[in-house]
N, C-alpha and C. Protein backbone atom coordinates (compact mmCIF):
# COMPACT_ATOMS: atom_id res chain seq x y z
N MET A 1 57.60 -32.28 57.24
CA MET A 1 58.14 -31.55 58.38
C MET A 1 57.55 -32.08 59.67
N ASP A 2 58.40 -32.34 60.63
CA ASP A 2 57.92 -32.79 61.94
C ASP A 2 57.15 -31.67 62.63
N ARG A 3 56.25 -32.09 63.48
CA ARG A 3 55.52 -31.13 64.30
C ARG A 3 56.28 -30.90 65.60
N LEU A 4 56.02 -29.77 66.24
CA LEU A 4 56.68 -29.40 67.50
C LEU A 4 55.63 -29.15 68.55
N LEU A 5 55.87 -29.69 69.74
CA LEU A 5 55.00 -29.46 70.89
C LEU A 5 55.86 -29.10 72.09
N ILE A 6 55.61 -27.93 72.66
CA ILE A 6 56.30 -27.51 73.89
C ILE A 6 55.27 -27.51 75.00
N LEU A 7 55.57 -28.23 76.07
CA LEU A 7 54.70 -28.31 77.24
C LEU A 7 55.38 -27.62 78.41
N MET A 8 54.76 -26.56 78.90
CA MET A 8 55.35 -25.79 79.99
C MET A 8 54.36 -25.63 81.13
N ARG A 9 54.83 -25.86 82.34
CA ARG A 9 54.04 -25.57 83.53
C ARG A 9 54.26 -24.10 83.86
N HIS A 10 53.21 -23.44 84.31
CA HIS A 10 53.35 -22.04 84.72
C HIS A 10 54.47 -21.90 85.74
N ALA A 11 55.05 -20.72 85.80
CA ALA A 11 56.15 -20.46 86.73
C ALA A 11 55.62 -20.26 88.16
N LYS A 12 56.54 -20.12 89.08
CA LYS A 12 56.22 -20.00 90.51
C LYS A 12 55.26 -18.84 90.76
N ALA A 13 54.15 -19.14 91.43
CA ALA A 13 53.12 -18.14 91.72
C ALA A 13 53.08 -17.83 93.21
N VAL A 14 52.46 -16.71 93.54
CA VAL A 14 52.30 -16.33 94.94
C VAL A 14 51.43 -17.36 95.64
N ASP A 15 51.55 -17.42 96.94
CA ASP A 15 50.76 -18.33 97.75
C ASP A 15 49.27 -18.01 97.61
N ARG A 16 48.46 -19.02 97.77
CA ARG A 16 47.01 -18.84 97.65
C ARG A 16 46.47 -17.78 98.60
N LEU A 17 47.08 -17.62 99.75
CA LEU A 17 46.61 -16.64 100.73
C LEU A 17 46.94 -15.20 100.33
N GLU A 18 47.83 -15.04 99.35
CA GLU A 18 48.24 -13.71 98.90
C GLU A 18 47.44 -13.23 97.69
N ALA A 19 46.46 -14.00 97.26
CA ALA A 19 45.66 -13.63 96.08
C ALA A 19 44.18 -13.71 96.44
N GLU A 20 43.39 -12.99 95.67
CA GLU A 20 41.94 -12.99 95.90
C GLU A 20 41.36 -14.39 95.77
N ASP A 21 41.82 -15.12 94.75
CA ASP A 21 41.43 -16.52 94.57
C ASP A 21 42.50 -17.22 93.74
N ASP A 22 42.38 -18.52 93.57
CA ASP A 22 43.38 -19.29 92.85
C ASP A 22 43.57 -18.79 91.43
N PHE A 23 42.50 -18.42 90.77
CA PHE A 23 42.56 -17.99 89.38
C PHE A 23 43.39 -16.72 89.21
N GLN A 24 43.41 -15.87 90.22
CA GLN A 24 44.09 -14.57 90.15
C GLN A 24 45.53 -14.59 90.67
N ARG A 25 46.05 -15.74 91.05
CA ARG A 25 47.42 -15.81 91.57
C ARG A 25 48.42 -15.42 90.49
N GLY A 26 49.26 -14.43 90.79
CA GLY A 26 50.29 -13.98 89.86
C GLY A 26 51.64 -14.59 90.18
N LEU A 27 52.62 -14.27 89.35
CA LEU A 27 53.97 -14.83 89.53
C LEU A 27 54.75 -14.09 90.61
N THR A 28 55.66 -14.84 91.21
CA THR A 28 56.62 -14.24 92.13
C THR A 28 57.80 -13.71 91.32
N GLY A 29 58.73 -13.04 91.98
CA GLY A 29 59.95 -12.60 91.30
C GLY A 29 60.70 -13.76 90.70
N ARG A 30 60.82 -14.85 91.46
CA ARG A 30 61.49 -16.04 90.94
C ARG A 30 60.74 -16.61 89.74
N GLY A 31 59.43 -16.57 89.80
CA GLY A 31 58.62 -17.06 88.69
C GLY A 31 58.88 -16.28 87.42
N ARG A 32 59.00 -14.96 87.54
CA ARG A 32 59.30 -14.13 86.36
C ARG A 32 60.70 -14.46 85.83
N GLU A 33 61.66 -14.61 86.72
CA GLU A 33 63.04 -14.95 86.30
C GLU A 33 63.09 -16.31 85.61
N ASP A 34 62.40 -17.30 86.19
CA ASP A 34 62.40 -18.65 85.59
C ASP A 34 61.72 -18.64 84.22
N SER A 35 60.64 -17.85 84.09
CA SER A 35 59.95 -17.76 82.80
C SER A 35 60.88 -17.22 81.72
N GLU A 36 61.57 -16.14 82.05
CA GLU A 36 62.49 -15.55 81.07
C GLU A 36 63.63 -16.50 80.74
N ALA A 37 64.14 -17.22 81.73
CA ALA A 37 65.22 -18.18 81.49
C ALA A 37 64.73 -19.32 80.59
N ALA A 38 63.51 -19.79 80.82
CA ALA A 38 62.94 -20.86 79.97
C ALA A 38 62.78 -20.36 78.54
N GLY A 39 62.22 -19.17 78.40
CA GLY A 39 62.03 -18.60 77.06
C GLY A 39 63.35 -18.43 76.33
N LYS A 40 64.35 -17.95 77.06
CA LYS A 40 65.67 -17.75 76.45
C LYS A 40 66.26 -19.07 75.98
N LEU A 41 66.20 -20.11 76.83
CA LEU A 41 66.74 -21.41 76.46
C LEU A 41 66.03 -21.97 75.23
N LEU A 42 64.71 -21.91 75.21
CA LEU A 42 63.95 -22.43 74.07
C LEU A 42 64.26 -21.63 72.81
N GLY A 43 64.35 -20.31 72.95
CA GLY A 43 64.68 -19.47 71.81
C GLY A 43 66.07 -19.75 71.27
N GLU A 44 67.03 -20.00 72.16
CA GLU A 44 68.39 -20.32 71.73
C GLU A 44 68.45 -21.64 70.95
N GLN A 45 67.45 -22.50 71.17
CA GLN A 45 67.36 -23.77 70.44
C GLN A 45 66.71 -23.57 69.07
N GLY A 46 66.33 -22.33 68.78
CA GLY A 46 65.70 -22.03 67.50
C GLY A 46 64.24 -22.46 67.42
N LEU A 47 63.62 -22.64 68.58
CA LEU A 47 62.23 -23.11 68.60
C LEU A 47 61.27 -21.93 68.53
N GLU A 48 60.39 -21.97 67.57
CA GLU A 48 59.32 -20.98 67.45
C GLU A 48 58.02 -21.75 67.28
N VAL A 49 56.92 -21.14 67.73
CA VAL A 49 55.63 -21.81 67.63
C VAL A 49 54.65 -20.95 66.84
N ASP A 50 53.66 -21.63 66.28
CA ASP A 50 52.63 -20.97 65.48
C ASP A 50 51.41 -20.59 66.32
N LEU A 51 51.25 -21.26 67.47
CA LEU A 51 50.08 -21.06 68.30
C LEU A 51 50.42 -21.43 69.74
N ALA A 52 49.88 -20.66 70.67
CA ALA A 52 50.01 -20.98 72.09
C ALA A 52 48.63 -21.27 72.66
N LEU A 53 48.52 -22.39 73.35
CA LEU A 53 47.32 -22.73 74.10
C LEU A 53 47.65 -22.50 75.56
N VAL A 54 46.98 -21.54 76.18
CA VAL A 54 47.36 -21.09 77.52
C VAL A 54 46.13 -21.08 78.43
N SER A 55 46.26 -21.70 79.58
CA SER A 55 45.20 -21.62 80.57
C SER A 55 44.93 -20.14 80.85
N PRO A 56 43.67 -19.75 81.05
CA PRO A 56 43.37 -18.34 81.28
C PRO A 56 43.72 -17.82 82.68
N ALA A 57 44.23 -18.68 83.56
CA ALA A 57 44.63 -18.22 84.89
C ALA A 57 45.73 -17.16 84.78
N TRP A 58 45.77 -16.24 85.71
CA TRP A 58 46.71 -15.12 85.65
C TRP A 58 48.16 -15.59 85.61
N ARG A 59 48.53 -16.62 86.38
CA ARG A 59 49.92 -17.08 86.43
C ARG A 59 50.36 -17.71 85.12
N THR A 60 49.46 -18.39 84.42
CA THR A 60 49.83 -18.98 83.13
C THR A 60 49.93 -17.90 82.07
N ARG A 61 49.04 -16.92 82.11
CA ARG A 61 49.11 -15.81 81.14
C ARG A 61 50.40 -15.01 81.34
N GLN A 62 50.78 -14.76 82.60
CA GLN A 62 52.03 -14.04 82.86
C GLN A 62 53.23 -14.85 82.37
N THR A 63 53.22 -16.15 82.62
CA THR A 63 54.31 -17.01 82.15
C THR A 63 54.42 -16.91 80.64
N PHE A 64 53.30 -17.04 79.95
CA PHE A 64 53.30 -16.95 78.49
C PHE A 64 53.83 -15.59 78.02
N ASP A 65 53.36 -14.52 78.63
CA ASP A 65 53.78 -13.19 78.20
C ASP A 65 55.29 -13.01 78.29
N LEU A 66 55.92 -13.68 79.25
CA LEU A 66 57.37 -13.55 79.42
C LEU A 66 58.17 -14.43 78.45
N ILE A 67 57.60 -15.55 78.02
CA ILE A 67 58.34 -16.43 77.11
C ILE A 67 58.01 -16.18 75.64
N ALA A 68 56.86 -15.58 75.37
CA ALA A 68 56.39 -15.39 73.99
C ALA A 68 57.40 -14.72 73.07
N PRO A 69 58.08 -13.64 73.50
CA PRO A 69 59.01 -12.98 72.58
C PRO A 69 60.15 -13.90 72.10
N PHE A 70 60.49 -14.90 72.90
CA PHE A 70 61.56 -15.82 72.53
C PHE A 70 61.09 -16.89 71.54
N LEU A 71 59.76 -17.05 71.42
CA LEU A 71 59.20 -18.12 70.60
C LEU A 71 58.45 -17.59 69.39
N GLY A 72 58.73 -16.35 69.01
CA GLY A 72 58.09 -15.79 67.82
C GLY A 72 56.80 -15.04 68.09
N SER A 73 56.49 -14.75 69.35
CA SER A 73 55.26 -14.03 69.74
C SER A 73 54.02 -14.59 69.03
N PRO A 74 53.73 -15.87 69.28
CA PRO A 74 52.61 -16.51 68.58
C PRO A 74 51.25 -16.00 69.06
N PRO A 75 50.22 -16.18 68.24
CA PRO A 75 48.87 -15.89 68.72
C PRO A 75 48.53 -16.86 69.85
N VAL A 76 47.60 -16.44 70.70
CA VAL A 76 47.25 -17.25 71.86
C VAL A 76 45.76 -17.54 71.89
N GLU A 77 45.45 -18.75 72.30
CA GLU A 77 44.08 -19.14 72.62
C GLU A 77 44.09 -19.55 74.09
N ASP A 78 43.09 -19.10 74.84
CA ASP A 78 43.08 -19.38 76.28
C ASP A 78 41.71 -19.90 76.75
N PRO A 79 41.31 -21.06 76.22
CA PRO A 79 40.01 -21.61 76.61
C PRO A 79 39.97 -22.00 78.09
N MET A 80 38.85 -21.75 78.72
CA MET A 80 38.67 -22.10 80.13
C MET A 80 38.91 -23.59 80.37
N ALA A 81 38.72 -24.40 79.35
CA ALA A 81 38.93 -25.85 79.48
C ALA A 81 40.38 -26.20 79.86
N LEU A 82 41.33 -25.29 79.63
CA LEU A 82 42.72 -25.56 79.98
C LEU A 82 43.06 -25.24 81.43
N TYR A 83 42.15 -24.58 82.15
CA TYR A 83 42.39 -24.27 83.56
C TYR A 83 42.31 -25.57 84.35
N HIS A 84 43.45 -26.02 84.85
CA HIS A 84 43.58 -27.29 85.59
C HIS A 84 43.11 -28.49 84.78
N ALA A 85 43.39 -28.48 83.47
CA ALA A 85 42.99 -29.58 82.59
C ALA A 85 43.80 -30.84 82.88
N SER A 86 43.16 -31.97 82.65
CA SER A 86 43.86 -33.25 82.77
C SER A 86 44.77 -33.44 81.55
N ASP A 87 45.66 -34.41 81.64
CA ASP A 87 46.52 -34.71 80.50
C ASP A 87 45.70 -35.10 79.27
N THR A 88 44.59 -35.79 79.47
CA THR A 88 43.73 -36.19 78.36
C THR A 88 43.08 -34.97 77.70
N MET A 89 42.65 -34.02 78.50
CA MET A 89 42.04 -32.80 77.95
C MET A 89 43.07 -31.98 77.18
N ILE A 90 44.29 -31.88 77.71
CA ILE A 90 45.34 -31.15 77.01
C ILE A 90 45.69 -31.85 75.70
N GLU A 91 45.81 -33.17 75.75
CA GLU A 91 46.12 -33.94 74.54
C GLU A 91 45.05 -33.70 73.47
N ARG A 92 43.79 -33.69 73.86
CA ARG A 92 42.70 -33.47 72.91
C ARG A 92 42.81 -32.07 72.29
N ALA A 93 43.10 -31.05 73.11
CA ALA A 93 43.24 -29.68 72.60
C ALA A 93 44.41 -29.58 71.62
N VAL A 94 45.51 -30.24 71.94
CA VAL A 94 46.69 -30.22 71.08
C VAL A 94 46.40 -30.89 69.74
N LYS A 95 45.77 -32.05 69.78
CA LYS A 95 45.45 -32.76 68.53
C LYS A 95 44.54 -31.92 67.64
N THR A 96 43.59 -31.23 68.23
CA THR A 96 42.70 -30.36 67.46
C THR A 96 43.50 -29.21 66.85
N ALA A 97 44.39 -28.61 67.62
CA ALA A 97 45.20 -27.49 67.12
C ALA A 97 46.15 -27.94 66.01
N PHE A 98 46.64 -29.18 66.09
CA PHE A 98 47.53 -29.69 65.04
C PHE A 98 46.82 -29.81 63.68
N ASP A 99 45.51 -29.76 63.68
CA ASP A 99 44.79 -29.74 62.41
C ASP A 99 45.02 -28.42 61.67
N GLN A 100 45.40 -27.37 62.40
CA GLN A 100 45.57 -26.03 61.83
C GLN A 100 47.04 -25.58 61.72
N VAL A 101 47.86 -25.96 62.70
CA VAL A 101 49.26 -25.50 62.77
C VAL A 101 50.17 -26.68 63.09
N SER A 102 51.49 -26.48 62.93
CA SER A 102 52.41 -27.59 63.17
C SER A 102 53.34 -27.37 64.37
N ARG A 103 53.30 -26.18 64.98
CA ARG A 103 54.18 -25.91 66.13
C ARG A 103 53.35 -25.25 67.23
N ILE A 104 53.23 -25.95 68.37
CA ILE A 104 52.32 -25.52 69.44
C ILE A 104 53.05 -25.45 70.78
N LEU A 105 52.72 -24.42 71.54
CA LEU A 105 53.13 -24.29 72.94
C LEU A 105 51.89 -24.43 73.79
N VAL A 106 51.99 -25.19 74.88
CA VAL A 106 50.92 -25.26 75.87
C VAL A 106 51.51 -24.80 77.20
N VAL A 107 50.86 -23.82 77.84
CA VAL A 107 51.24 -23.40 79.18
C VAL A 107 50.07 -23.74 80.09
N GLY A 108 50.32 -24.66 81.03
CA GLY A 108 49.23 -25.13 81.87
C GLY A 108 49.65 -25.43 83.29
N HIS A 109 48.89 -26.30 83.91
CA HIS A 109 49.01 -26.61 85.34
C HIS A 109 49.29 -28.10 85.55
N ASN A 110 49.90 -28.39 86.68
CA ASN A 110 50.00 -29.78 87.11
C ASN A 110 48.68 -30.17 87.77
N PRO A 111 48.32 -31.43 87.76
CA PRO A 111 49.11 -32.56 87.30
C PRO A 111 49.03 -32.81 85.79
N GLY A 112 48.10 -32.18 85.09
CA GLY A 112 47.87 -32.48 83.68
C GLY A 112 49.05 -32.25 82.77
N ILE A 113 49.66 -31.07 82.87
CA ILE A 113 50.76 -30.73 81.95
C ILE A 113 51.97 -31.63 82.20
N GLY A 114 52.27 -31.89 83.47
CA GLY A 114 53.39 -32.76 83.80
C GLY A 114 53.14 -34.20 83.40
N ALA A 115 51.91 -34.66 83.56
CA ALA A 115 51.58 -36.04 83.18
C ALA A 115 51.75 -36.23 81.67
N LEU A 116 51.31 -35.26 80.88
CA LEU A 116 51.46 -35.38 79.43
C LEU A 116 52.93 -35.32 79.04
N ALA A 117 53.70 -34.44 79.65
CA ALA A 117 55.13 -34.35 79.35
C ALA A 117 55.84 -35.66 79.70
N HIS A 118 55.52 -36.23 80.85
CA HIS A 118 56.16 -37.49 81.25
C HIS A 118 55.73 -38.65 80.35
N MET A 119 54.48 -38.64 79.89
CA MET A 119 54.02 -39.68 78.98
C MET A 119 54.79 -39.60 77.66
N LEU A 120 54.96 -38.40 77.12
CA LEU A 120 55.70 -38.25 75.87
C LEU A 120 57.17 -38.59 76.06
N ALA A 121 57.74 -38.19 77.19
CA ALA A 121 59.14 -38.51 77.47
C ALA A 121 59.33 -40.03 77.54
N ALA A 122 58.38 -40.73 78.14
CA ALA A 122 58.47 -42.19 78.21
C ALA A 122 58.44 -42.80 76.81
N LYS A 123 57.55 -42.30 75.95
CA LYS A 123 57.49 -42.80 74.56
C LYS A 123 58.79 -42.51 73.82
N ALA A 124 59.45 -41.41 74.20
CA ALA A 124 60.70 -41.00 73.53
C ALA A 124 61.92 -41.68 74.12
N GLY A 125 61.74 -42.48 75.18
CA GLY A 125 62.87 -43.10 75.85
C GLY A 125 63.70 -42.11 76.63
N ALA A 126 63.07 -41.02 77.08
CA ALA A 126 63.78 -39.94 77.77
C ALA A 126 63.21 -39.66 79.15
N SER A 127 62.56 -40.65 79.76
CA SER A 127 61.93 -40.45 81.07
C SER A 127 62.88 -39.90 82.12
N GLY A 128 64.11 -40.41 82.13
CA GLY A 128 65.07 -39.99 83.14
C GLY A 128 65.54 -38.55 83.00
N GLN A 129 65.26 -37.93 81.87
CA GLN A 129 65.72 -36.55 81.66
C GLN A 129 64.77 -35.51 82.24
N LEU A 130 63.47 -35.85 82.37
CA LEU A 130 62.51 -34.89 82.90
C LEU A 130 62.58 -34.85 84.42
N PRO A 131 62.43 -33.66 85.00
CA PRO A 131 62.44 -33.56 86.45
C PRO A 131 61.19 -34.21 87.05
N GLY A 132 61.37 -34.89 88.16
CA GLY A 132 60.25 -35.52 88.84
C GLY A 132 59.22 -34.49 89.26
N GLY A 133 57.96 -34.84 89.11
CA GLY A 133 56.88 -33.97 89.54
C GLY A 133 56.61 -32.79 88.61
N TYR A 134 57.50 -32.51 87.68
CA TYR A 134 57.38 -31.40 86.74
C TYR A 134 57.17 -30.08 87.49
N PRO A 135 58.26 -29.51 88.01
CA PRO A 135 58.18 -28.30 88.84
C PRO A 135 57.71 -27.08 88.06
N THR A 136 57.35 -26.03 88.77
CA THR A 136 56.93 -24.80 88.13
C THR A 136 58.02 -24.32 87.18
N ALA A 137 57.61 -23.83 86.02
CA ALA A 137 58.46 -23.31 84.94
C ALA A 137 59.18 -24.39 84.14
N ALA A 138 58.96 -25.66 84.46
CA ALA A 138 59.56 -26.73 83.64
C ALA A 138 58.95 -26.67 82.24
N ALA A 139 59.80 -26.90 81.24
CA ALA A 139 59.34 -26.91 79.85
C ALA A 139 60.05 -28.00 79.09
N ALA A 140 59.29 -28.78 78.33
CA ALA A 140 59.85 -29.84 77.50
C ALA A 140 59.34 -29.66 76.09
N ALA A 141 60.25 -29.70 75.12
CA ALA A 141 59.89 -29.56 73.72
C ALA A 141 60.09 -30.91 73.03
N PHE A 142 59.07 -31.31 72.28
CA PHE A 142 59.10 -32.59 71.59
C PHE A 142 58.86 -32.39 70.10
N SER A 143 59.66 -33.07 69.30
CA SER A 143 59.42 -33.18 67.87
C SER A 143 58.56 -34.43 67.70
N LEU A 144 57.51 -34.33 66.88
CA LEU A 144 56.59 -35.44 66.69
C LEU A 144 56.55 -35.80 65.21
N SER A 145 56.94 -37.02 64.89
CA SER A 145 56.98 -37.41 63.48
C SER A 145 55.86 -38.37 63.11
N GLY A 146 55.19 -38.95 64.08
CA GLY A 146 54.11 -39.88 63.79
C GLY A 146 52.76 -39.18 63.77
N GLU A 147 51.72 -39.99 63.77
CA GLU A 147 50.36 -39.46 63.85
C GLU A 147 50.06 -39.07 65.30
N GLY A 148 49.19 -38.11 65.48
CA GLY A 148 48.81 -37.69 66.82
C GLY A 148 50.04 -37.27 67.61
N LEU A 149 50.21 -37.86 68.78
CA LEU A 149 51.38 -37.56 69.62
C LEU A 149 52.34 -38.75 69.64
N ASP A 150 52.31 -39.52 68.56
CA ASP A 150 53.19 -40.68 68.46
C ASP A 150 54.58 -40.26 67.98
N GLU A 151 55.53 -41.13 68.23
CA GLU A 151 56.92 -40.96 67.81
C GLU A 151 57.53 -39.62 68.26
N PRO A 152 57.42 -39.32 69.57
CA PRO A 152 58.02 -38.08 70.06
C PRO A 152 59.53 -38.22 70.24
N LYS A 153 60.21 -37.11 70.10
CA LYS A 153 61.64 -37.03 70.39
C LYS A 153 61.84 -35.77 71.23
N LEU A 154 62.47 -35.91 72.40
CA LEU A 154 62.74 -34.76 73.25
C LEU A 154 63.84 -33.93 72.61
N VAL A 155 63.54 -32.66 72.29
CA VAL A 155 64.52 -31.82 71.60
C VAL A 155 65.04 -30.68 72.45
N ALA A 156 64.35 -30.35 73.55
CA ALA A 156 64.82 -29.30 74.46
C ALA A 156 64.14 -29.48 75.79
N LEU A 157 64.83 -29.07 76.84
CA LEU A 157 64.28 -29.20 78.19
C LEU A 157 64.77 -28.04 79.04
N PHE A 158 63.84 -27.40 79.76
CA PHE A 158 64.21 -26.40 80.76
C PHE A 158 63.77 -26.95 82.10
N ASN A 159 64.72 -27.16 82.99
CA ASN A 159 64.47 -27.63 84.34
C ASN A 159 64.94 -26.54 85.30
N PRO A 160 64.02 -25.79 85.91
CA PRO A 160 64.43 -24.71 86.80
C PRO A 160 65.16 -25.19 88.04
N LYS A 161 65.03 -26.48 88.34
CA LYS A 161 65.71 -27.05 89.50
C LYS A 161 67.09 -27.58 89.16
N GLY A 162 67.42 -27.63 87.84
CA GLY A 162 68.65 -28.28 87.41
C GLY A 162 69.71 -27.35 87.11
C-alpha cells in the first residue's frame, strides 16, 4: 500500500498587531472558510489520515480542528519543533512518523511547508500545478510509493487562490 502525505499551510490568520504575539494569532473568517473548503475537498477525494503533525501555534491548531472531521479525525501530535520548521525539519518528522503510520497530515508554516510541497511536486513532475509561494490554506496530497519521500504522485490539491 502506498503511503499518503498531505502538506497544508495554516489558513489566513489575523494580523500580528491584532494578537498578543505571533504564536497566539488566530484565524480570520476567511481562514475558517478556506480551512473548511480544504477539508471538504480532501474528504471528497476519500483521503483519510492516521496521524496529524501540527505546529502548536494557535492558527495551525485552528486550521487542523476545522479540517480534521473530513480526514477521519486523526490523533494529533504538536511538537514545538514544528513551529516555523524548515522543510528539512518537517521532512525528518514525517519520515519518523512513517515508521508508525502510513497516512500523515502536516499543518505548518511557510517557508518550510511550502518548500517541502514544491520539492515533492517537482519530483512528481507536477510543479506547475502548485500555487506559487504556497498561500495560506494551500494543501497538497501526495501518494508515496518509494522509500522515504521518493516517488511522489500528486493526488489532490486545494488552492484557495484558484
